Amino acid sequence: KRHRRVRSSIKGTAERPRLAVHKSLRNLQVQLIDDVAHKTLAEASTLTSKSVSNMALAETIGKTIAEAALKLNIKEVVFDRGGYIYHGQIKALAEAARAVGLKF
């Protein structure tokens, strides 16, 4: 229910897409979504990684999605943490994306 409540108030556009985060027990997935056109512009995840450290992977995913966004000339996004608290992996991902140059 919390995820639906958060997503109902956050909308992304082509100029300022939604940076949606999904976290499972093993993996972390991030997508840049244009909610107006219903399209995923870019994505990054830990599904193919064999590393064990979740914090390091979260930072890597944050850098990857930020670089993909900058290649698409997207400098500003709406951060959708999906109802997860801003701590741990979510915080590491967000700060790594900000360090590369993404604004939110």
PDB file of N, CA and C in Angstrom:
ATOM      1  N   LYS A   1       0.815  -1.196   0.000  1.00  0.00           N
ATOM      2  CA  LYS A   1       0.000   0.000   0.000  1.00  0.00           C
ATOM      3  C   LYS A   1       0.858   1.259   0.000  1.00  0.00           C
ATOM      4  N   ARG A   2       1.951   1.224   0.750  1.00  0.00           N
ATOM      5  CA  ARG A   2       2.818   2.398   0.835  1.00  0.00           C
ATOM      6  C   ARG A   2       3.399   2.727  -0.535  1.00  0.00           C
ATOM      7  N   HIS A   3       3.786   1.708  -1.302  1.00  0.00           N
ATOM      8  CA  HIS A   3       4.366   1.931  -2.627  1.00  0.00           C
ATOM      9  C   HIS A   3       3.352   2.609  -3.552  1.00  0.00           C
ATOM     10  N   ARG A   4       2.103   2.162  -3.515  1.00  0.00           N
ATOM     11  CA  ARG A   4       1.074   2.764  -4.354  1.00  0.00           C
ATOM     12  C   ARG A   4       0.785   4.204  -3.958  1.00  0.00           C
ATOM     13  N   ARG A   5       0.780   4.484  -2.660  1.00  0.00           N
ATOM     14  CA  ARG A   5       0.538   5.845  -2.187  1.00  0.00           C
ATOM     15  C   ARG A   5       1.618   6.799  -2.670  1.00  0.00           C
ATOM     16  N   VAL A   6       2.868   6.354  -2.574  1.00  0.00           N
ATOM     17  CA  VAL A   6       3.984   7.193  -2.999  1.00  0.00           C
ATOM     18  C   VAL A   6       3.944   7.400  -4.506  1.00  0.00           C
ATOM     19  N   ARG A   7       3.693   6.344  -5.272  1.00  0.00           N
ATOM     20  CA  ARG A   7       3.697   6.448  -6.722  1.00  0.00           C
ATOM     21  C   ARG A   7       2.542   7.280  -7.247  1.00  0.00           C
ATOM     22  N   SER A   8       1.444   7.362  -6.504  1.00  0.00           N
ATOM     23  CA  SER A   8       0.311   8.149  -6.986  1.00  0.00           C
ATOM     24  C   SER A   8       0.608   9.642  -6.959  1.00  0.00           C
ATOM     25  N   SER A   9       1.539  10.069  -6.108  1.00  0.00           N
ATOM     26  CA  SER A   9       1.839  11.494  -6.006  1.00  0.00           C
ATOM     27  C   SER A   9       3.067  11.916  -6.801  1.00  0.00           C
ATOM     28  N   ILE A  10       3.858  10.955  -7.285  1.00  0.00           N
ATOM     29  CA  ILE A  10       5.087  11.268  -8.020  1.00  0.00           C
ATOM     30  C   ILE A  10       4.900  10.914  -9.486  1.00  0.00           C
ATOM     31  N   LYS A  11       5.056  11.888 -10.354  1.00  0.00           N
ATOM     32  CA  LYS A  11       4.927  11.673 -11.799  1.00  0.00           C
ATOM     33  C   LYS A  11       6.192  12.165 -12.496  1.00  0.00           C
ATOM     34  N   GLY A  12       6.617  11.455 -13.506  1.00  0.00           N
ATOM     35  CA  GLY A  12       7.780  11.852 -14.289  1.00  0.00           C
ATOM     36  C   GLY A  12       7.382  12.261 -15.692  1.00  0.00           C
ATOM     37  N   THR A  13       8.160  13.149 -16.280  1.00  0.00           N
ATOM     38  CA  THR A  13       7.929  13.583 -17.654  1.00  0.00           C
ATOM     39  C   THR A  13       9.178  13.266 -18.467  1.00  0.00           C
ATOM     40  N   ALA A  14       9.143  13.587 -19.749  1.00  0.00           N
ATOM     41  CA  ALA A  14      10.302  13.336 -20.599  1.00  0.00           C
ATOM     42  C   ALA A  14      11.478  14.221 -20.190  1.00  0.00           C
ATOM     43  N   GLU A  15      11.179  15.476 -19.774  1.00  0.00           N
ATOM     44  CA  GLU A  15      12.241  16.387 -19.372  1.00  0.00           C
ATOM     45  C   GLU A  15      12.752  16.076 -17.966  1.00  0.00           C
ATOM     46  N   ARG A  16      11.863  15.606 -17.107  1.00  0.00           N
ATOM     47  CA  ARG A  16      12.212  15.299 -15.719  1.00  0.00           C
ATOM     48  C   ARG A  16      11.596  13.954 -15.346  1.00  0.00           C
ATOM     49  N   PRO A  17      12.230  12.843 -15.764  1.00  0.00           N
ATOM     50  CA  PRO A  17      11.645  11.520 -15.531  1.00  0.00           C
ATOM     51  C   PRO A  17      11.736  11.088 -14.065  1.00  0.00           C
ATOM     52  N   ARG A  18      10.988  10.056 -13.763  1.00  0.00           N
ATOM     53  CA  ARG A  18      10.966   9.500 -12.410  1.00  0.00           C
ATOM     54  C   ARG A  18      12.088   8.473 -12.288  1.00  0.00           C
ATOM     55  N   LEU A  19      12.923   8.615 -11.268  1.00  0.00           N
ATOM     56  CA  LEU A  19      13.984   7.656 -10.969  1.00  0.00           C
ATOM     57  C   LEU A  19      13.409   6.682  -9.949  1.00  0.00           C
ATOM     58  N   ALA A  20      12.881   5.562 -10.438  1.00  0.00           N
ATOM     59  CA  ALA A  20      12.172   4.602  -9.592  1.00  0.00           C
ATOM     60  C   ALA A  20      13.125   3.522  -9.103  1.00  0.00           C
ATOM     61  N   VAL A  21      13.062   3.244  -7.803  1.00  0.00           N
ATOM     62  CA  VAL A  21      13.932   2.253  -7.173  1.00  0.00           C
ATOM     63  C   VAL A  21      13.089   1.077  -6.708  1.00  0.00           C
ATOM     64  N   HIS A  22      13.555  -0.136  -7.005  1.00  0.00           N
ATOM     65  CA  HIS A  22      12.933  -1.348  -6.475  1.00  0.00           C
ATOM     66  C   HIS A  22      14.018  -2.176  -5.811  1.00  0.00           C
ATOM     67  N   LYS A  23      13.737  -2.611  -4.614  1.00  0.00           N
ATOM     68  CA  LYS A  23      14.713  -3.362  -3.834  1.00  0.00           C
ATOM     69  C   LYS A  23      14.102  -4.690  -3.428  1.00  0.00           C
ATOM     70  N   SER A  24      14.855  -5.765  -3.654  1.00  0.00           N
ATOM     71  CA  SER A  24      14.449  -7.073  -3.156  1.00  0.00           C
ATOM     72  C   SER A  24      15.500  -7.522  -2.147  1.00  0.00           C
ATOM     73  N   LEU A  25      15.381  -8.717  -1.658  1.00  0.00           N
ATOM     74  CA  LEU A  25      16.352  -9.193  -0.676  1.00  0.00           C
ATOM     75  C   LEU A  25      17.741  -9.357  -1.284  1.00  0.00           C
ATOM     76  N   ARG A  26      17.817  -9.649  -2.580  1.00  0.00           N
ATOM     77  CA  ARG A  26      19.112  -9.877  -3.223  1.00  0.00           C
ATOM     78  C   ARG A  26      19.533  -8.790  -4.191  1.00  0.00           C
ATOM     79  N   ASN A  27      18.589  -8.115  -4.805  1.00  0.00           N
ATOM     80  CA  ASN A  27      18.919  -7.211  -5.904  1.00  0.00           C
ATOM     81  C   ASN A  27      18.339  -5.823  -5.712  1.00  0.00           C
ATOM     82  N   LEU A  28      18.923  -4.904  -6.482  1.00  0.00           N
ATOM     83  CA  LEU A  28      18.495  -3.514  -6.497  1.00  0.00           C
ATOM     84  C   LEU A  28      18.317  -3.120  -7.964  1.00  0.00           C
ATOM     85  N   GLN A  29      17.144  -2.556  -8.286  1.00  0.00           N
ATOM     86  CA  GLN A  29      16.853  -2.184  -9.666  1.00  0.00           C
ATOM     87  C   GLN A  29      16.416  -0.726  -9.707  1.00  0.00           C
ATOM     88  N   VAL A  30      16.883   0.003 -10.728  1.00  0.00           N
ATOM     89  CA  VAL A  30      16.574   1.418 -10.885  1.00  0.00           C
ATOM     90  C   VAL A  30      16.155   1.662 -12.331  1.00  0.00           C
ATOM     91  N   GLN A  31      15.110   2.478 -12.512  1.00  0.00           N
ATOM     92  CA  GLN A  31      14.650   2.819 -13.849  1.00  0.00           C
ATOM     93  C   GLN A  31      14.377   4.310 -13.943  1.00  0.00           C
ATOM     94  N   LEU A  32      14.643   4.873 -15.112  1.00  0.00           N
ATOM     95  CA  LEU A  32      14.210   6.232 -15.444  1.00  0.00           C
ATOM     96  C   LEU A  32      12.936   6.089 -16.262  1.00  0.00           C
ATOM     97  N   ILE A  33      11.820   6.588 -15.730  1.00  0.00           N
ATOM     98  CA  ILE A  33      10.522   6.351 -16.350  1.00  0.00           C
ATOM     99  C   ILE A  33       9.861   7.677 -16.724  1.00  0.00           C
ATOM    100  N   ASP A  34       9.378   7.742 -17.974  1.00  0.00           N
ATOM    101  CA  ASP A  34       8.554   8.852 -18.440  1.00  0.00           C
ATOM    102  C   ASP A  34       7.100   8.409 -18.274  1.00  0.00           C
ATOM    103  N   ASP A  35       6.415   8.929 -17.253  1.00  0.00           N
ATOM    104  CA  ASP A  35       5.053   8.503 -16.958  1.00  0.00           C
ATOM    105  C   ASP A  35       4.030   9.023 -17.959  1.00  0.00           C
ATOM    106  N   VAL A  36       4.349  10.084 -18.663  1.00  0.00           N
ATOM    107  CA  VAL A  36       3.413  10.632 -19.651  1.00  0.00           C
ATOM    108  C   VAL A  36       3.338   9.696 -20.855  1.00  0.00           C
ATOM    109  N   ALA A  37       4.481   9.253 -21.364  1.00  0.00           N
ATOM    110  CA  ALA A  37       4.530   8.362 -22.524  1.00  0.00           C
ATOM    111  C   ALA A  37       4.531   6.894 -22.131  1.00  0.00           C
ATOM    112  N   HIS A  38       4.582   6.599 -20.831  1.00  0.00           N
ATOM    113  CA  HIS A  38       4.627   5.222 -20.320  1.00  0.00           C
ATOM    114  C   HIS A  38       5.812   4.448 -20.892  1.00  0.00           C
ATOM    115  N   LYS A  39       7.000   5.062 -20.833  1.00  0.00           N
ATOM    116  CA  LYS A  39       8.200   4.434 -21.373  1.00  0.00           C
ATOM    117  C   LYS A  39       9.321   4.452 -20.353  1.00  0.00           C
ATOM    118  N   THR A  40      10.122   3.407 -20.383  1.00  0.00           N
ATOM    119  CA  THR A  40      11.336   3.348 -19.580  1.00  0.00           C
ATOM    120  C   THR A  40      12.469   3.887 -20.440  1.00  0.00           C
ATOM    121  N   LEU A  41      13.129   4.926 -19.975  1.00  0.00           N
ATOM    122  CA  LEU A  41      14.191   5.573 -20.751  1.00  0.00           C
ATOM    123  C   LEU A  41      15.540   4.911 -20.531  1.00  0.00           C
ATOM    124  N   ALA A  42      15.802   4.443 -19.310  1.00  0.00           N
ATOM    125  CA  ALA A  42      17.068   3.774 -18.996  1.00  0.00           C
ATOM    126  C   ALA A  42      16.858   2.920 -17.756  1.00  0.00           C
ATOM    127  N   GLU A  43      17.706   1.919 -17.585  1.00  0.00           N
ATOM    128  CA  GLU A  43      17.606   1.073 -16.404  1.00  0.00           C
ATOM    129  C   GLU A  43      18.979   0.565 -16.009  1.00  0.00           C
ATOM    130  N   ALA A  44      19.099   0.206 -14.743  1.00  0.00           N
ATOM    131  CA  ALA A  44      20.317  -0.398 -14.223  1.00  0.00           C
ATOM    132  C   ALA A  44      19.919  -1.311 -13.068  1.00  0.00           C
ATOM    133  N   SER A  45      20.639  -2.414 -12.913  1.00  0.00           N
ATOM    134  CA  SER A  45      20.305  -3.335 -11.831  1.00  0.00           C
ATOM    135  C   SER A  45      21.530  -4.150 -11.432  1.00  0.00           C
ATOM    136  N   THR A  46      21.391  -4.857 -10.332  1.00  0.00           N
ATOM    137  CA  THR A  46      22.461  -5.713  -9.828  1.00  0.00           C
ATOM    138  C   THR A  46      22.221  -7.170 -10.195  1.00  0.00           C
ATOM    139  N   LEU A  47      21.305  -7.429 -11.102  1.00  0.00           N
ATOM    140  CA  LEU A  47      20.939  -8.808 -11.438  1.00  0.00           C
ATOM    141  C   LEU A  47      22.102  -9.604 -12.026  1.00  0.00           C
ATOM    142  N   THR A  48      22.975  -8.960 -12.775  1.00  0.00           N
ATOM    143  CA  THR A  48      24.077  -9.677 -13.413  1.00  0.00           C
ATOM    144  C   THR A  48      25.363  -9.640 -12.596  1.00  0.00           C
ATOM    145  N   SER A  49      25.361  -8.951 -11.489  1.00  0.00           N
ATOM    146  CA  SER A  49      26.573  -8.798 -10.690  1.00  0.00           C
ATOM    147  C   SER A  49      26.806 -10.004  -9.797  1.00  0.00           C
ATOM    148  N   LYS A  50      28.077 -10.295  -9.548  1.00  0.00           N
ATOM    149  CA  LYS A  50      28.424 -11.404  -8.665  1.00  0.00           C
ATOM    150  C   LYS A  50      29.056 -10.913  -7.372  1.00  0.00           C
ATOM    151  N   SER A  51      29.067  -9.600  -7.172  1.00  0.00           N
ATOM    152  CA  SER A  51      29.647  -9.025  -5.970  1.00  0.00           C
ATOM    153  C   SER A  51      28.735  -9.265  -4.773  1.00  0.00           C
ATOM    154  N   VAL A  52      29.300  -9.228  -3.589  1.00  0.00           N
ATOM    155  CA  VAL A  52      28.547  -9.497  -2.371  1.00  0.00           C
ATOM    156  C   VAL A  52      28.176  -8.204  -1.639  1.00  0.00           C
ATOM    157  N   SER A  53      29.005  -7.186  -1.738  1.00  0.00           N
ATOM    158  CA  SER A  53      28.796  -5.958  -0.986  1.00  0.00           C
ATOM    159  C   SER A  53      27.639  -5.158  -1.573  1.00  0.00           C
ATOM    160  N   ASN A  54      26.569  -5.032  -0.828  1.00  0.00           N
ATOM    161  CA  ASN A  54      25.386  -4.338  -1.324  1.00  0.00           C
ATOM    162  C   ASN A  54      25.576  -2.828  -1.408  1.00  0.00           C
ATOM    163  N   MET A  55      26.320  -2.249  -0.470  1.00  0.00           N
ATOM    164  CA  MET A  55      26.528  -0.796  -0.495  1.00  0.00           C
ATOM    165  C   MET A  55      27.365  -0.386  -1.708  1.00  0.00           C
ATOM    166  N   ALA A  56      28.415  -1.146  -1.988  1.00  0.00           N
ATOM    167  CA  ALA A  56      29.247  -0.842  -3.157  1.00  0.00           C
ATOM    168  C   ALA A  56      28.449  -1.009  -4.443  1.00  0.00           C
ATOM    169  N   LEU A  57      27.604  -2.018  -4.498  1.00  0.00           N
ATOM    170  CA  LEU A  57      26.766  -2.212  -5.679  1.00  0.00           C
ATOM    171  C   LEU A  57      25.759  -1.083  -5.838  1.00  0.00           C
ATOM    172  N   ALA A  58      25.211  -0.615  -4.745  1.00  0.00           N
ATOM    173  CA  ALA A  58      24.251   0.493  -4.811  1.00  0.00           C
ATOM    174  C   ALA A  58      24.922   1.745  -5.364  1.00  0.00           C
ATOM    175  N   GLU A  59      26.154   2.006  -4.942  1.00  0.00           N
ATOM    176  CA  GLU A  59      26.887   3.156  -5.477  1.00  0.00           C
ATOM    177  C   GLU A  59      27.160   2.984  -6.963  1.00  0.00           C
ATOM    178  N   THR A  60      27.523   1.778  -7.374  1.00  0.00           N
ATOM    179  CA  THR A  60      27.790   1.499  -8.787  1.00  0.00           C
ATOM    180  C   THR A  60      26.527   1.704  -9.622  1.00  0.00           C
ATOM    181  N   ILE A  61      25.404   1.223  -9.126  1.00  0.00           N
ATOM    182  CA  ILE A  61      24.131   1.372  -9.844  1.00  0.00           C
ATOM    183  C   ILE A  61      23.756   2.857  -9.941  1.00  0.00           C
ATOM    184  N   GLY A  62      23.982   3.612  -8.876  1.00  0.00           N
ATOM    185  CA  GLY A  62      23.704   5.048  -8.898  1.00  0.00           C
ATOM    186  C   GLY A  62      24.532   5.772  -9.943  1.00  0.00           C
ATOM    187  N   LYS A  63      25.818   5.433 -10.019  1.00  0.00           N
ATOM    188  CA  LYS A  63      26.684   6.058 -11.025  1.00  0.00           C
ATOM    189  C   LYS A  63      26.259   5.658 -12.426  1.00  0.00           C
ATOM    190  N   THR A  64      25.903   4.389 -12.616  1.00  0.00           N
ATOM    191  CA  THR A  64      25.510   3.882 -13.930  1.00  0.00           C
ATOM    192  C   THR A  64      24.253   4.571 -14.445  1.00  0.00           C
ATOM    193  N   ILE A  65      23.235   4.691 -13.587  1.00  0.00           N
ATOM    194  CA  ILE A  65      21.981   5.300 -14.037  1.00  0.00           C
ATOM    195  C   ILE A  65      22.156   6.798 -14.274  1.00  0.00           C
ATOM    196  N   ALA A  66      23.008   7.444 -13.489  1.00  0.00           N
ATOM    197  CA  ALA A  66      23.262   8.871 -13.688  1.00  0.00           C
ATOM    198  C   ALA A  66      23.987   9.115 -15.010  1.00  0.00           C
ATOM    199  N   GLU A  67      24.961   8.271 -15.322  1.00  0.00           N
ATOM    200  CA  GLU A  67      25.672   8.409 -16.599  1.00  0.00           C
ATOM    201  C   GLU A  67      24.742   8.148 -17.772  1.00  0.00           C
ATOM    202  N   ALA A  68      23.837   7.170 -17.637  1.00  0.00           N
ATOM    203  CA  ALA A  68      22.872   6.890 -18.702  1.00  0.00           C
ATOM    204  C   ALA A  68      21.924   8.075 -18.883  1.00  0.00           C
ATOM    205  N   ALA A  69      21.522   8.700 -17.787  1.00  0.00           N
ATOM    206  CA  ALA A  69      20.632   9.861 -17.870  1.00  0.00           C
ATOM    207  C   ALA A  69      21.329  11.030 -18.533  1.00  0.00           C
ATOM    208  N   LEU A  70      22.584  11.259 -18.186  1.00  0.00           N
ATOM    209  CA  LEU A  70      23.318  12.376 -18.781  1.00  0.00           C
ATOM    210  C   LEU A  70      23.551  12.168 -20.275  1.00  0.00           C
ATOM    211  N   LYS A  71      23.693  10.903 -20.709  1.00  0.00           N
ATOM    212  CA  LYS A  71      23.818  10.623 -22.145  1.00  0.00           C
ATOM    213  C   LYS A  71      22.535  10.970 -22.890  1.00  0.00           C
ATOM    214  N   LEU A  72      21.393  10.849 -22.193  1.00  0.00           N
ATOM    215  CA  LEU A  72      20.100  11.199 -22.786  1.00  0.00           C
ATOM    216  C   LEU A  72      19.752  12.678 -22.588  1.00  0.00           C
ATOM    217  N   ASN A  73      20.722  13.478 -22.139  1.00  0.00           N
ATOM    218  CA  ASN A  73      20.557  14.912 -21.856  1.00  0.00           C
ATOM    219  C   ASN A  73      19.510  15.164 -20.768  1.00  0.00           C
ATOM    220  N   ILE A  74      19.441  14.268 -19.792  1.00  0.00           N
ATOM    221  CA  ILE A  74      18.559  14.435 -18.641  1.00  0.00           C
ATOM    222  C   ILE A  74      19.434  14.803 -17.463  1.00  0.00           C
ATOM    223  N   LYS A  75      19.209  15.996 -16.927  1.00  0.00           N
ATOM    224  CA  LYS A  75      20.025  16.467 -15.808  1.00  0.00           C
ATOM    225  C   LYS A  75      19.250  16.517 -14.499  1.00  0.00           C
ATOM    226  N   GLU A  76      17.919  16.437 -14.582  1.00  0.00           N
ATOM    227  CA  GLU A  76      17.077  16.550 -13.393  1.00  0.00           C
ATOM    228  C   GLU A  76      16.013  15.454 -13.405  1.00  0.00           C
ATOM    229  N   VAL A  77      15.823  14.793 -12.271  1.00  0.00           N
ATOM    230  CA  VAL A  77      14.855  13.707 -12.159  1.00  0.00           C
ATOM    231  C   VAL A  77      14.013  13.891 -10.894  1.00  0.00           C
ATOM    232  N   VAL A  78      12.940  13.118 -10.819  1.00  0.00           N
ATOM    233  CA  VAL A  78      12.122  13.032  -9.611  1.00  0.00           C
ATOM    234  C   VAL A  78      12.494  11.712  -8.954  1.00  0.00           C
ATOM    235  N   PHE A  79      12.972  11.760  -7.719  1.00  0.00           N
ATOM    236  CA  PHE A  79      13.431  10.551  -7.038  1.00  0.00           C
ATOM    237  C   PHE A  79      12.258   9.837  -6.387  1.00  0.00           C
ATOM    238  N   ASP A  80      11.993   8.626  -6.847  1.00  0.00           N
ATOM    239  CA  ASP A  80      10.924   7.788  -6.296  1.00  0.00           C
ATOM    240  C   ASP A  80      11.589   6.642  -5.554  1.00  0.00           C
ATOM    241  N   ARG A  81      11.680   6.779  -4.242  1.00  0.00           N
ATOM    242  CA  ARG A  81      12.338   5.741  -3.453  1.00  0.00           C
ATOM    243  C   ARG A  81      11.426   4.562  -3.194  1.00  0.00           C
ATOM    244  N   GLY A  82      10.213   4.602  -3.712  1.00  0.00           N
ATOM    245  CA  GLY A  82       9.309   3.469  -3.667  1.00  0.00           C
ATOM    246  C   GLY A  82       8.821   3.102  -2.278  1.00  0.00           C
ATOM    247  N   GLY A  83       8.821   4.050  -1.366  1.00  0.00           N
ATOM    248  CA  GLY A  83       8.360   3.757  -0.022  1.00  0.00           C
ATOM    249  C   GLY A  83       9.445   3.262   0.913  1.00  0.00           C
ATOM    250  N   TYR A  84      10.639   3.012   0.385  1.00  0.00           N
ATOM    251  CA  TYR A  84      11.753   2.581   1.224  1.00  0.00           C
ATOM    252  C   TYR A  84      12.312   3.801   1.955  1.00  0.00           C
ATOM    253  N   ILE A  85      12.799   3.596   3.165  1.00  0.00           N
ATOM    254  CA  ILE A  85      13.354   4.721   3.906  1.00  0.00           C
ATOM    255  C   ILE A  85      14.674   5.155   3.272  1.00  0.00           C
ATOM    256  N   TYR A  86      14.993   6.434   3.384  1.00  0.00           N
ATOM    257  CA  TYR A  86      16.212   6.996   2.804  1.00  0.00           C
ATOM    258  C   TYR A  86      17.384   6.662   3.719  1.00  0.00           C
ATOM    259  N   HIS A  87      17.881   5.441   3.578  1.00  0.00           N
ATOM    260  CA  HIS A  87      18.939   4.932   4.443  1.00  0.00           C
ATOM    261  C   HIS A  87      19.600   3.755   3.738  1.00  0.00           C
ATOM    262  N   GLY A  88      20.851   3.522   4.026  1.00  0.00           N
ATOM    263  CA  GLY A  88      21.537   2.344   3.505  1.00  0.00           C
ATOM    264  C   GLY A  88      21.732   2.385   2.003  1.00  0.00           C
ATOM    265  N   GLN A  89      21.245   1.342   1.329  1.00  0.00           N
ATOM    266  CA  GLN A  89      21.444   1.214  -0.112  1.00  0.00           C
ATOM    267  C   GLN A  89      20.755   2.333  -0.890  1.00  0.00           C
ATOM    268  N   ILE A  90      19.567   2.731  -0.462  1.00  0.00           N
ATOM    269  CA  ILE A  90      18.838   3.789  -1.165  1.00  0.00           C
ATOM    270  C   ILE A  90      19.611   5.105  -1.073  1.00  0.00           C
ATOM    271  N   LYS A  91      20.141   5.400   0.096  1.00  0.00           N
ATOM    272  CA  LYS A  91      20.917   6.621   0.290  1.00  0.00           C
ATOM    273  C   LYS A  91      22.217   6.577  -0.506  1.00  0.00           C
ATOM    274  N   ALA A  92      22.907   5.421  -0.513  1.00  0.00           N
ATOM    275  CA  ALA A  92      24.151   5.282  -1.261  1.00  0.00           C
ATOM    276  C   ALA A  92      23.912   5.459  -2.755  1.00  0.00           C
ATOM    277  N   LEU A  93      22.816   4.891  -3.264  1.00  0.00           N
ATOM    278  CA  LEU A  93      22.472   5.023  -4.678  1.00  0.00           C
ATOM    279  C   LEU A  93      22.201   6.485  -5.027  1.00  0.00           C
ATOM    280  N   ALA A  94      21.412   7.170  -4.200  1.00  0.00           N
ATOM    281  CA  ALA A  94      21.052   8.559  -4.472  1.00  0.00           C
ATOM    282  C   ALA A  94      22.270   9.480  -4.425  1.00  0.00           C
ATOM    283  N   GLU A  95      23.123   9.298  -3.439  1.00  0.00           N
ATOM    284  CA  GLU A  95      24.302  10.162  -3.321  1.00  0.00           C
ATOM    285  C   GLU A  95      25.299   9.911  -4.445  1.00  0.00           C
ATOM    286  N   ALA A  96      25.420   8.672  -4.900  1.00  0.00           N
ATOM    287  CA  ALA A  96      26.314   8.376  -6.027  1.00  0.00           C
ATOM    288  C   ALA A  96      25.786   9.015  -7.309  1.00  0.00           C
ATOM    289  N   ALA A  97      24.466   8.993  -7.504  1.00  0.00           N
ATOM    290  CA  ALA A  97      23.874   9.619  -8.691  1.00  0.00           C
ATOM    291  C   ALA A  97      24.057  11.136  -8.648  1.00  0.00           C
ATOM    292  N   ARG A  98      23.919  11.710  -7.465  1.00  0.00           N
ATOM    293  CA  ARG A  98      24.126  13.152  -7.320  1.00  0.00           C
ATOM    294  C   ARG A  98      25.579  13.530  -7.571  1.00  0.00           C
ATOM    295  N   ALA A  99      26.510  12.677  -7.154  1.00  0.00           N
ATOM    296  CA  ALA A  99      27.934  12.959  -7.325  1.00  0.00           C
ATOM    297  C   ALA A  99      28.315  13.013  -8.803  1.00  0.00           C
ATOM    298  N   VAL A 100      27.641  12.215  -9.628  1.00  0.00           N
ATOM    299  CA  VAL A 100      27.927  12.221 -11.065  1.00  0.00           C
ATOM    300  C   VAL A 100      27.363  13.465 -11.734  1.00  0.00           C
ATOM    301  N   GLY A 101      26.294  14.039 -11.172  1.00  0.00           N
ATOM    302  CA  GLY A 101      25.759  15.272 -11.734  1.00  0.00           C
ATOM    303  C   GLY A 101      24.253  15.299 -11.899  1.00  0.00           C
ATOM    304  N   LEU A 102      23.559  14.276 -11.464  1.00  0.00           N
ATOM    305  CA  LEU A 102      22.106  14.238 -11.547  1.00  0.00           C
ATOM    306  C   LEU A 102      21.511  15.072 -10.416  1.00  0.00           C
ATOM    307  N   LYS A 103      20.480  15.854 -10.722  1.00  0.00           N
ATOM    308  CA  LYS A 103      19.877  16.721  -9.713  1.00  0.00           C
ATOM    309  C   LYS A 103      18.490  16.215  -9.344  1.00  0.00           C
ATOM    310  N   PHE A 104      18.249  16.110  -8.041  1.00  0.00           N
ATOM    311  CA  PHE A 104      16.919  15.792  -7.500  1.00  0.00           C
ATOM    312  C   PHE A 104      16.887  16.113  -6.036  1.00  0.00           C
TER     313      PHE A 104
END
